[in-house]
Protein backbone atom coordinates (compact mmCIF):
# COMPACT_ATOMS: atom_id res chain seq x y z
CA MET A 1 -31.21 38.28 -9.37
CA THR A 2 -30.92 37.06 -12.85
CA GLU A 3 -31.73 33.55 -14.25
CA ASP A 4 -27.94 32.77 -14.88
CA GLU A 5 -27.05 33.90 -11.37
CA VAL A 6 -29.90 31.47 -10.36
CA LYS A 7 -28.50 28.96 -12.80
CA LYS A 8 -25.23 29.01 -10.88
CA ILE A 9 -26.86 28.92 -7.48
CA LEU A 10 -28.23 25.41 -8.35
CA ASN A 11 -25.11 24.11 -10.01
CA VAL A 12 -23.56 24.53 -6.55
CA GLY A 13 -25.70 21.75 -5.65
CA VAL A 14 -24.47 19.47 -8.74
CA LEU A 15 -20.89 20.17 -7.76
CA LEU A 16 -21.78 18.90 -4.17
CA SER A 17 -22.66 15.66 -5.22
CA SER A 18 -20.23 15.22 -8.05
CA GLU A 19 -17.08 15.99 -7.25
CA ARG A 20 -14.66 13.18 -5.39
CA SER A 21 -11.88 15.32 -4.40
CA ILE A 22 -12.37 17.11 -1.17
CA ASN A 23 -9.81 19.97 -2.38
CA LYS A 24 -11.08 20.06 -5.72
CA LEU A 25 -14.84 20.32 -4.44
CA LEU A 26 -13.98 23.37 -2.05
CA GLU A 27 -12.10 25.17 -4.68
CA LYS A 28 -15.40 24.65 -7.05
CA ILE A 29 -17.51 25.89 -4.70
CA LEU A 30 -15.40 28.91 -3.98
CA ILE A 31 -15.04 29.79 -7.39
CA SER A 32 -19.48 29.46 -7.54
CA VAL A 33 -19.95 31.70 -5.01
CA MET A 34 -17.89 34.43 -6.32
CA GLU A 35 -19.30 34.12 -9.53
CA ILE A 36 -22.51 34.74 -8.01
CA SER A 37 -21.89 37.57 -5.97
CA HIS A 38 -19.31 39.28 -8.57
CA CYS A 39 -16.90 39.84 -6.21
CA ASP A 40 -12.63 39.92 -6.34
CA ALA A 41 -11.57 37.57 -3.69
CA GLY A 42 -12.62 34.65 -1.64
CA THR A 43 -11.10 32.39 1.33
CA LEU A 44 -12.43 28.64 2.34
CA TYR A 45 -11.11 28.23 6.13
CA LEU A 46 -11.56 24.84 7.79
CA LEU A 47 -11.12 24.45 11.36
CA GLU A 48 -8.54 22.45 12.86
CA GLU A 49 -7.25 22.17 16.41
CA GLU A 50 -8.77 25.40 17.10
CA GLU A 51 -7.67 27.09 14.41
CA LEU A 52 -8.72 28.43 11.13
CA HIS A 53 -6.42 27.00 8.33
CA PHE A 54 -6.64 28.68 4.87
CA VAL A 55 -7.86 25.97 2.67
CA ILE A 56 -8.74 27.41 -0.67
CA MET A 57 -7.53 30.69 -1.57
CA ARG A 58 -8.79 32.83 -4.63
CA ASN A 59 -8.11 36.45 -5.75
CA ASN A 60 -8.50 37.87 -9.17
CA THR A 61 -6.61 41.20 -8.23
CA MET A 62 -3.28 39.48 -6.77
CA LYS A 63 -3.73 36.59 -9.63
CA THR A 64 -3.38 34.18 -6.19
CA TYR A 65 -5.53 30.75 -6.82
CA SER A 66 -3.99 27.84 -4.77
CA GLY A 67 -5.41 24.99 -2.72
CA GLY A 68 -7.39 23.25 -4.93
CA ASP A 69 -4.52 20.76 -5.65
CA GLY A 70 -4.34 20.08 -1.98
CA ARG A 71 -1.32 22.31 -1.36
CA ARG A 72 -2.68 25.01 1.12
CA PRO A 73 -1.39 28.55 1.08
CA ASP A 74 1.28 29.38 2.94
CA ILE A 75 -0.19 31.63 5.35
CA PRO A 76 -0.07 31.26 8.86
CA PRO A 77 -3.78 29.92 10.33
CA VAL A 78 -6.04 32.22 11.99
CA PRO A 79 -6.64 31.85 15.68
CA LEU A 80 -9.75 30.70 16.81
CA SER A 81 -10.37 34.62 18.72
CA ARG A 82 -13.29 37.00 18.82
CA GLU A 83 -10.53 39.28 17.44
CA ASN A 84 -10.66 38.03 14.09
CA VAL A 85 -13.76 38.35 12.27
CA CYS A 86 -13.78 34.91 10.52
CA ALA A 87 -13.13 33.15 13.99
CA LEU A 88 -15.89 35.48 15.73
CA ALA A 89 -18.39 34.30 12.91
CA LEU A 90 -17.87 31.00 13.39
CA MET A 91 -17.92 31.17 17.31
CA ASP A 92 -21.11 33.23 17.29
CA GLY A 93 -22.30 31.10 14.25
CA LYS A 94 -23.45 34.37 12.28
CA THR A 95 -23.04 35.84 9.43
CA ILE A 96 -21.20 39.24 9.28
CA ASN A 97 -21.68 41.11 6.48
CA ILE A 98 -19.73 44.34 6.37
CA ALA A 99 -19.47 47.17 4.28
CA ASP A 100 -16.61 49.19 4.46
CA VAL A 101 -13.85 46.88 6.92
CA ARG A 102 -11.78 50.23 7.48
CA ASN A 103 -14.83 52.34 8.59
CA CYS A 104 -16.42 50.02 10.98
CA SER A 105 -16.89 50.27 14.66
CA GLU A 106 -18.90 47.51 15.36
CA TYR A 107 -16.41 44.65 14.88
CA ASN A 108 -12.65 44.21 15.50
CA LEU A 109 -11.15 44.05 12.33
CA SER A 110 -7.34 44.89 12.94
CA GLY A 111 -6.97 40.73 11.58
CA SER A 112 -7.95 41.65 8.78
CA VAL A 113 -6.31 44.82 8.10
CA LYS A 114 -2.93 42.75 9.43
CA TYR A 115 -3.53 40.58 6.66
CA ASP A 116 -3.85 42.77 3.99
CA SER A 117 -0.33 44.02 5.21
CA MET A 118 0.84 40.83 4.92
CA THR A 119 -0.47 39.89 1.08
CA GLY A 120 -0.48 43.93 -0.15
CA TYR A 121 -4.35 43.52 -0.75
CA TYR A 122 -6.89 46.17 0.18
CA THR A 123 -10.21 44.82 1.63
CA LYS A 124 -13.21 47.04 1.87
CA SER A 125 -16.27 45.15 1.89
CA MET A 126 -16.26 41.82 3.36
CA LEU A 127 -19.07 38.83 3.74
CA THR A 128 -18.23 35.63 5.88
CA VAL A 129 -20.42 33.12 6.82
CA PRO A 130 -19.54 30.10 9.01
CA MET A 131 -20.21 26.22 7.58
CA GLU A 132 -21.93 23.83 10.47
CA ASN A 133 -23.33 20.43 10.03
CA ARG A 134 -26.76 19.50 10.67
CA GLN A 135 -25.23 18.56 14.15
CA GLY A 136 -24.10 22.05 14.78
CA GLU A 137 -20.71 21.08 14.74
CA LYS A 138 -18.16 24.16 13.65
CA LEU A 139 -16.42 22.91 10.32
CA GLY A 140 -15.15 26.42 8.95
CA VAL A 141 -15.81 29.40 7.11
CA LEU A 142 -16.69 30.79 3.54
CA GLN A 143 -15.34 34.58 3.51
CA LEU A 144 -15.85 36.94 0.10
CA LEU A 145 -14.10 40.07 -0.23
CA ASN A 146 -14.73 43.42 -2.42
CA ALA A 147 -18.05 42.81 -4.47
CA MET A 148 -17.98 44.59 -7.38
CA ASP A 149 -20.95 46.21 -9.42
CA ALA A 150 -21.62 46.68 -13.14
CA ASP A 151 -18.85 49.26 -13.72
CA GLY A 152 -16.53 47.18 -11.33
CA ASN A 153 -16.48 49.04 -8.65
CA ILE A 154 -16.07 48.19 -4.99
CA CYS A 155 -19.47 47.87 -3.22
CA PRO A 156 -20.93 46.56 -0.39
CA PHE A 157 -22.68 42.71 -0.45
CA PRO A 158 -26.62 43.15 -1.15
CA ASP A 159 -28.07 41.20 1.91
CA GLU A 160 -29.78 38.94 -0.50
CA MET A 161 -26.06 37.52 -1.37
CA ALA A 162 -25.80 37.12 2.24
CA LEU A 163 -28.85 34.47 2.45
CA VAL A 164 -28.09 32.55 -0.87
CA LEU A 165 -23.82 32.06 0.75
CA GLN A 166 -25.85 30.83 4.14
CA SER A 167 -27.87 28.13 1.82
CA VAL A 168 -24.27 27.46 0.00
CA ALA A 169 -22.27 27.11 3.05
CA SER A 170 -24.72 25.24 5.10
CA GLN A 171 -24.62 22.35 1.60
CA ALA A 172 -21.32 22.78 1.77
CA ALA A 173 -20.83 21.68 5.34
CA ILE A 174 -22.68 18.85 5.02
CA THR A 175 -21.00 17.54 1.87
CA ILE A 176 -17.38 18.06 3.94
CA GLN A 177 -18.66 16.00 6.62
CA ASN A 178 -19.68 13.63 4.71
CA VAL A 179 -16.46 13.33 2.65
CA ARG A 180 -14.64 13.14 5.77
CA TYR A 181 -16.76 10.31 6.96
CA ILE A 182 -16.01 8.55 3.72
CA ASP A 183 -12.19 9.24 4.03
CA GLU A 184 -12.23 8.16 7.86
CA ILE A 185 -13.80 4.87 6.61
CA LYS A 186 -11.54 4.39 3.67
CA GLU A 187 -8.60 5.03 6.00
CA LEU A 188 -10.18 2.30 8.87
CA PHE A 189 -10.50 -0.43 6.04
CA HIS A 190 -6.85 0.81 4.71
CA SER A 191 -5.39 0.90 8.37
CA PHE A 192 -7.00 -2.93 8.88
CA VAL A 193 -5.38 -4.32 5.43
CA ARG A 194 -1.91 -3.00 6.70
CA VAL A 195 -2.42 -4.76 10.11
CA PHE A 196 -3.72 -8.05 8.34
CA ALA A 197 -0.82 -7.77 6.02
CA SER A 198 1.70 -6.98 8.23
CA ALA A 199 0.67 -9.79 10.72
CA ILE A 200 0.79 -12.40 8.16
CA ASP A 201 4.27 -11.42 7.24
CA GLU A 202 5.44 -11.36 10.88
CA ARG A 203 3.77 -14.66 11.29
CA SER A 204 6.83 -15.79 9.74
CA PRO A 205 10.50 -14.34 10.77
CA TYR A 206 11.63 -15.02 6.99
CA ASN A 207 8.78 -12.96 5.39
CA GLY A 208 8.74 -9.80 7.70
CA ASN A 209 8.89 -7.21 5.31
CA HIS A 210 7.58 -8.37 1.92
CA THR A 211 4.46 -7.02 1.48
CA LYS A 212 5.55 -3.61 3.17
CA HIS A 213 8.50 -3.34 0.68
CA MET A 214 6.20 -4.42 -2.49
CA ALA A 215 3.65 -1.68 -1.25
CA VAL A 216 6.50 1.06 -1.40
CA TYR A 217 7.95 -0.08 -4.47
CA GLY A 218 4.57 -0.54 -6.14
CA GLU A 219 3.74 3.32 -5.16
CA LYS A 220 7.23 4.68 -6.25
CA PHE A 221 6.96 2.45 -9.90
CA ILE A 222 2.89 3.51 -10.51
CA ASP A 223 4.48 7.28 -10.33
CA TYR A 224 7.15 6.59 -12.26
CA LEU A 225 4.95 5.21 -14.90
CA ASN A 226 2.47 8.13 -14.53
CA VAL A 227 5.52 10.56 -14.92
CA LYS A 228 6.80 8.33 -18.18
CA ALA A 229 3.51 8.54 -19.86
CA GLN A 230 3.09 12.56 -19.26
CA LYS A 231 6.85 12.91 -20.71
CA GLU A 232 5.60 11.08 -23.60
CA GLY A 233 2.28 12.91 -24.23
CA LYS A 234 0.05 9.99 -23.22
CA GLU A 235 -2.75 9.74 -20.76
CA MET A 236 -1.32 8.81 -17.22
CA PRO A 237 -1.87 4.93 -16.98
CA PHE A 238 -3.06 5.33 -13.10
CA ASP A 239 -5.45 7.88 -11.93
CA SER A 240 -5.97 7.87 -7.75
CA VAL A 241 -8.85 5.63 -7.83
CA HIS A 242 -6.62 3.24 -10.04
CA ARG A 243 -3.73 3.77 -7.99
CA GLU A 244 -5.52 2.89 -4.59
CA GLU A 245 -6.96 -0.36 -6.11
CA LEU A 246 -3.28 -1.79 -7.17
CA ILE A 247 -2.04 -0.70 -4.20
CA MET A 248 -4.67 -2.41 -2.02
CA SER A 249 -4.14 -5.28 -4.48
CA ILE A 250 -0.37 -5.27 -3.59
CA TRP A 251 -1.37 -5.48 0.72
CA LEU A 252 -3.76 -8.25 0.47
CA HIS A 253 -1.85 -10.28 -2.43
CA ASP A 254 -0.19 -13.17 0.22
CA VAL A 255 -3.68 -13.30 2.66
CA GLY A 256 -3.45 -16.77 1.49
CA LYS A 257 -0.69 -17.75 3.92
CA LEU A 258 -2.28 -17.04 6.95
CA VAL A 259 -3.23 -20.91 6.75
CA ILE A 260 -0.24 -22.36 5.10
CA PRO A 261 0.85 -24.85 7.64
CA LEU A 262 4.21 -22.78 9.93
CA GLU A 263 6.36 -25.57 9.07
CA ILE A 264 6.03 -25.49 5.25
CA MET A 265 6.37 -21.66 5.79
CA ASP A 266 9.47 -21.41 8.04
CA LYS A 267 11.36 -24.68 6.74
CA PRO A 268 14.70 -23.66 6.79
CA THR A 269 16.30 -27.11 5.79
CA ARG A 270 15.13 -29.93 3.71
CA LEU A 271 14.53 -32.23 6.70
CA LEU A 272 11.72 -31.64 8.54
CA PRO A 273 12.91 -30.95 12.18
CA GLU A 274 11.84 -34.06 13.72
CA GLN A 275 13.24 -36.05 10.91
CA HIS A 276 16.49 -34.04 11.61
CA ARG A 277 16.81 -35.27 15.08
CA GLY A 278 15.64 -38.44 14.63
CA PHE A 279 18.64 -39.12 12.18
CA LEU A 280 21.06 -37.45 14.42
CA HIS A 281 20.14 -39.33 17.08
CA ARG A 282 19.60 -42.92 15.14
CA MET A 283 23.55 -41.95 14.44
CA GLU A 284 24.26 -41.37 18.11
CA VAL A 285 22.62 -44.94 19.05
CA LEU A 286 24.36 -46.61 16.10
CA ARG A 287 27.70 -44.81 17.71
CA LEU A 288 26.61 -46.58 21.26
CA LEU A 289 25.72 -49.74 19.86
CA SER A 290 29.25 -50.29 17.96
CA GLU A 291 31.24 -49.57 20.75
CA ILE A 292 29.11 -52.41 23.21
CA ASP A 293 29.89 -54.54 20.15
CA SER A 294 33.64 -53.79 20.22
CA LEU A 295 33.53 -54.41 23.79
CA SER A 296 31.86 -57.92 23.38
CA GLY A 297 34.02 -58.77 20.61
CA LYS A 298 31.58 -58.30 17.90
CA CYS A 299 33.12 -55.58 16.44
CA GLY A 300 36.10 -55.92 14.67
CA ASN A 301 36.62 -52.22 13.31
CA LEU A 302 35.11 -50.32 15.57
CA ASP A 303 37.61 -47.23 14.05
CA GLY A 304 36.22 -47.84 10.93
CA LEU A 305 32.86 -48.14 11.36
CA ILE A 306 33.12 -44.79 13.66
CA ASP A 307 34.57 -43.10 10.70
CA ASP A 308 31.54 -44.27 8.52
CA ILE A 309 28.94 -43.28 10.85
CA ASN A 310 30.78 -39.42 10.88
CA LYS A 311 31.17 -39.21 7.41
CA ALA A 312 27.10 -39.92 7.11
CA GLU A 313 26.36 -37.49 9.60
CA GLU A 314 28.58 -34.82 7.57
CA LEU A 315 26.83 -35.71 4.38
CA VAL A 316 23.46 -35.27 5.40
CA GLU A 317 24.21 -32.22 7.49
CA SER A 318 25.75 -30.59 4.60
CA ILE A 319 22.99 -31.48 2.00
CA ASN A 320 20.15 -30.61 4.60
CA ASP A 321 21.55 -26.88 4.32
CA ALA A 322 19.05 -25.16 1.90
CA LYS A 323 22.00 -23.18 0.30
CA HIS A 324 23.72 -26.32 -0.91
CA TYR A 325 22.43 -27.47 -4.49
CA VAL A 326 21.99 -31.23 -4.70
CA THR A 327 24.00 -33.06 -7.54
CA ASP A 328 24.04 -36.38 -9.15
CA GLU A 329 26.97 -37.41 -6.68
CA ASP A 330 24.80 -36.66 -3.82
CA ILE A 331 21.80 -38.54 -5.05
CA LYS A 332 24.23 -41.55 -5.43
CA ALA A 333 25.86 -41.41 -1.95
CA LEU A 334 22.51 -40.63 0.03
CA LYS A 335 21.31 -43.91 -1.99
CA GLN A 336 24.31 -45.85 -0.99
CA LEU A 337 23.21 -44.68 2.58
CA THR A 338 19.89 -46.25 2.21
CA LYS A 339 21.62 -49.14 1.97
CA CYS A 340 23.54 -49.14 5.35
CA THR A 341 21.53 -51.00 7.77
CA CYS A 342 22.06 -51.76 11.17
CA THR A 343 20.15 -54.09 13.94
CA ASP A 344 18.75 -52.73 17.41
CA LYS A 345 18.81 -54.20 20.58
CA ASN A 346 15.59 -55.85 19.76
CA GLY A 347 17.19 -57.64 16.92
CA LYS A 348 15.28 -55.18 14.54
CA VAL A 349 17.21 -53.72 11.39
CA ARG A 350 16.82 -50.39 10.94
CA HIS A 351 18.42 -48.49 8.03
CA TRP A 352 20.96 -45.67 8.45
CA LEU A 353 18.91 -42.91 6.32
CA THR A 354 14.93 -44.06 6.06
CA GLU A 355 12.93 -43.58 2.57
CA ASP A 356 11.35 -40.15 3.57
CA GLU A 357 14.50 -38.51 4.71
CA TYR A 358 15.98 -39.76 1.26
CA LYS A 359 13.27 -38.24 -0.23
CA MET A 360 12.96 -34.80 1.28
CA LEU A 361 17.60 -34.65 1.02
CA SER A 362 17.29 -35.47 -2.73
CA ILE A 363 15.12 -32.05 -3.12
CA ARG A 364 17.72 -30.34 -5.79
CA LYS A 365 16.79 -26.72 -4.96
CA GLY A 366 15.52 -25.29 -1.95
CA THR A 367 13.59 -26.66 1.32
CA LEU A 368 10.09 -27.96 -0.32
CA SER A 369 9.03 -31.58 -2.06
CA ASP A 370 6.55 -31.61 -4.57
CA GLU A 371 3.86 -31.88 -1.78
CA GLU A 372 5.00 -29.19 0.17
CA ARG A 373 5.38 -27.18 -2.65
CA LYS A 374 1.66 -27.43 -3.86
CA ILE A 375 0.44 -26.69 -0.46
CA MET A 376 3.09 -23.33 -0.74
CA GLU A 377 1.54 -22.66 -4.07
CA SER A 378 -2.02 -22.91 -2.67
CA HIS A 379 -1.75 -20.01 -1.15
CA VAL A 380 -3.18 -17.88 -4.17
CA VAL A 381 -6.29 -19.74 -3.83
CA LEU A 382 -6.83 -19.33 -0.73
CA THR A 383 -6.25 -15.93 -1.26
CA ASP A 384 -8.88 -16.03 -3.79
CA LYS A 385 -11.48 -17.63 -1.28
CA LEU A 386 -10.55 -15.80 1.51
CA LEU A 387 -10.79 -12.09 -0.58
CA SER A 388 -14.55 -13.46 -1.92
CA GLN A 389 -15.99 -12.98 2.01
CA ILE A 390 -14.92 -8.96 1.67
CA GLN A 391 -17.66 -6.77 -0.27
CA PHE A 392 -15.26 -4.74 -2.04
CA SER A 393 -16.70 -1.47 -3.46
CA LYS A 394 -16.72 -0.42 -7.43
CA GLU A 395 -13.28 1.32 -6.88
CA LEU A 396 -11.58 -1.62 -5.91
CA SER A 397 -13.69 -4.34 -7.53
CA HIS A 398 -10.57 -5.84 -9.31
CA VAL A 399 -8.45 -6.28 -6.10
CA ARG A 400 -9.73 -9.83 -5.49
CA GLU A 401 -8.60 -10.95 -9.39
CA TRP A 402 -5.59 -9.53 -9.44
CA ALA A 403 -4.10 -10.15 -5.72
CA SER A 404 -4.76 -13.83 -6.67
CA ALA A 405 -3.33 -14.11 -9.83
CA HIS A 406 0.20 -12.77 -8.67
CA HIS A 407 2.08 -15.70 -9.99
CA GLU A 408 0.37 -16.30 -13.62
CA TYR A 409 3.06 -15.85 -16.21
CA LEU A 410 2.32 -14.55 -19.85
CA SER A 411 3.87 -17.92 -20.99
CA GLY A 412 0.90 -19.87 -19.04
CA ASP A 413 3.42 -21.55 -17.03
CA GLY A 414 2.42 -19.95 -14.00
CA TYR A 415 -0.60 -20.82 -11.12
CA PRO A 416 -2.71 -21.52 -10.35
CA LYS A 417 -4.94 -20.87 -13.62
CA HIS A 418 -2.02 -21.39 -16.41
CA LEU A 419 -3.37 -18.11 -17.57
CA SER A 420 -1.39 -16.67 -20.49
CA GLY A 421 -0.72 -13.40 -22.57
CA ALA A 422 -3.94 -11.07 -22.93
CA GLU A 423 -5.43 -12.84 -20.34
CA ILE A 424 -3.09 -11.40 -17.26
CA PRO A 425 -3.98 -7.85 -16.96
CA MET A 426 -1.26 -5.29 -16.53
CA GLU A 427 -1.66 -4.59 -13.18
CA VAL A 428 -1.05 -8.06 -12.58
CA CYS A 429 1.88 -8.41 -14.47
CA ILE A 430 3.18 -5.40 -12.29
CA LEU A 431 2.25 -7.21 -9.28
CA THR A 432 4.22 -10.35 -10.07
CA ILE A 433 7.53 -8.21 -11.12
CA LEU A 434 7.38 -6.68 -7.71
CA ASP A 435 6.83 -9.78 -6.02
CA ILE A 436 9.53 -11.66 -7.70
CA PHE A 437 12.26 -8.71 -7.29
CA ASP A 438 11.41 -8.95 -3.54
CA ALA A 439 11.44 -12.81 -3.16
CA LEU A 440 15.24 -12.32 -5.05
CA THR A 441 16.85 -9.50 -3.06
CA ALA A 442 15.18 -10.30 0.02
CA ASP A 443 17.99 -11.61 2.51
CA ASP A 444 15.63 -12.81 5.71
CA ARG A 445 14.44 -16.13 3.57
CA PRO A 446 16.02 -19.78 4.81
CA TYR A 447 16.53 -21.33 1.79
CA LYS A 448 18.80 -18.63 0.24
CA PRO A 449 20.87 -15.67 0.45
CA GLY A 450 19.65 -12.51 -1.05
CA MET A 451 20.53 -11.61 -4.38
CA PRO A 452 22.76 -8.25 -5.24
CA ILE A 453 20.19 -5.81 -7.20
CA GLU A 454 22.17 -6.10 -10.43
CA ARG A 455 21.59 -9.59 -10.44
CA ALA A 456 18.09 -9.90 -9.55
CA LEU A 457 17.24 -6.80 -12.40
CA SER A 458 19.49 -9.63 -14.82
CA VAL A 459 17.52 -12.42 -13.70
CA LEU A 460 13.81 -10.44 -14.32
CA LYS A 461 15.42 -9.43 -17.41
CA ASP A 462 15.90 -13.07 -18.48
CA MET A 463 12.27 -14.06 -17.35
CA ALA A 464 11.07 -11.25 -19.57
CA GLU A 465 13.26 -11.59 -22.91
CA LYS A 466 14.18 -14.93 -22.92
CA GLU A 467 11.52 -16.64 -20.79
CA GLY A 468 8.44 -15.04 -21.90
CA LYS A 469 7.02 -15.01 -18.67
CA LEU A 470 6.77 -11.24 -17.68
CA ASP A 471 6.19 -8.25 -19.77
CA LYS A 472 8.69 -6.61 -21.34
CA ALA A 473 8.05 -2.82 -21.62
CA LEU A 474 6.78 -2.95 -17.96
CA THR A 475 10.25 -5.25 -17.03
CA ASP A 476 12.35 -2.63 -18.53
CA SER A 477 10.37 0.33 -16.92
CA PHE A 478 10.90 -1.14 -13.72
CA ILE A 479 14.36 -1.68 -14.07
CA LYS A 480 14.89 2.32 -15.46
CA SER A 481 12.29 3.14 -12.37
CA ARG A 482 15.00 2.32 -9.68
CA CYS A 483 12.10 2.23 -7.45
CA TRP A 484 13.79 0.11 -4.64
CA GLU A 485 16.25 2.93 -3.82
CA LYS A 486 15.35 5.15 -1.37
């Protein structure tokens, strides 16, 4: 074996420890052993559900190179039966070295001949090595075809090459298993995050799909930005690791809502339920007392008083509706209502409308008072606090920072830290656009109807171009991406 071949063998070990992508890793393994063995073709199979699936294929004569990008060759899998050499090697856990496929009596090679007829290739020499991990678990098979001598003629694989391939296959099996373990752990973590985020959304019937929508929009928008950069001859802004980090930030951006009181998160009207019940009960008692006073001669104009009570009730019911914008005339009418009083059976003077009720009904837009809004806005601080308890990997090291900053604006009037301009990462700008868009278009919010898409896009554009809150270029790209469309 030459010094160059030894270096190539050693380089396989380096590949096994440096490549992150399982498909590219397997492709590099196959390329390396093909170069070392000077063969024309090779296949790497993985065992899945009692079948050997073609994962990586390389054939220099046929100029077929597939699988490295994750898209598997369109060839039927090999059944795990003794009629197929690659399956037999794996089942028996032994290396099979065949000098001439069509003149071999030791093995049934009809399967190989069948695949040749499917592909148009001619297989003569073959070296097949099973891949097993340390626990003896069968993972797959490495198969090389048609070794070539110095003159380019097909020849048998030397026995020493079988030993080399066995060593590489053993290392590859361990690496494949480790990569699978890592993928399983990552998927477990991702599944937990998705369940956690869904549970937070489901906690409120008015927020049930918010995070899911944002994640879908986010994935499509990221892909759009990558394609856009490629078309412009620029480097893609998001590789797979960067993409995963931002999507994870989206899934966790509202985790702080877990500890926000439901009576604030789900507040569908200006008055709290107990305040609303209290007002209606007070009005009903006032009607009854008026009728009693009328019967005893203390009330001279019962119809007029009942009419005033009904009008007061209608006013409060109208203003209490979250969709109603409170005008100056409304405030004036409410203030007048606070001056109306009655005396209960115990002789105590009571106001038709209490000061606390007046305060809530005076909320101009939406349903939250200043105090309630501060509590609601604290969810980003709580998001930061909760995420500080998670030991994120290096690849996800920005998740906490990005997730907890999604209400910051470039203009500096966001919250909680009032960041501005370059202090806000590009990823946060994207998260903010997604959050605002879904909030504007959501049709399950108690305090407002969902906006039509084009109107919501107009609001985003104004926030970017007129108010300076959002990144102009990203907002423009978001509008062009149409990432909310199915």
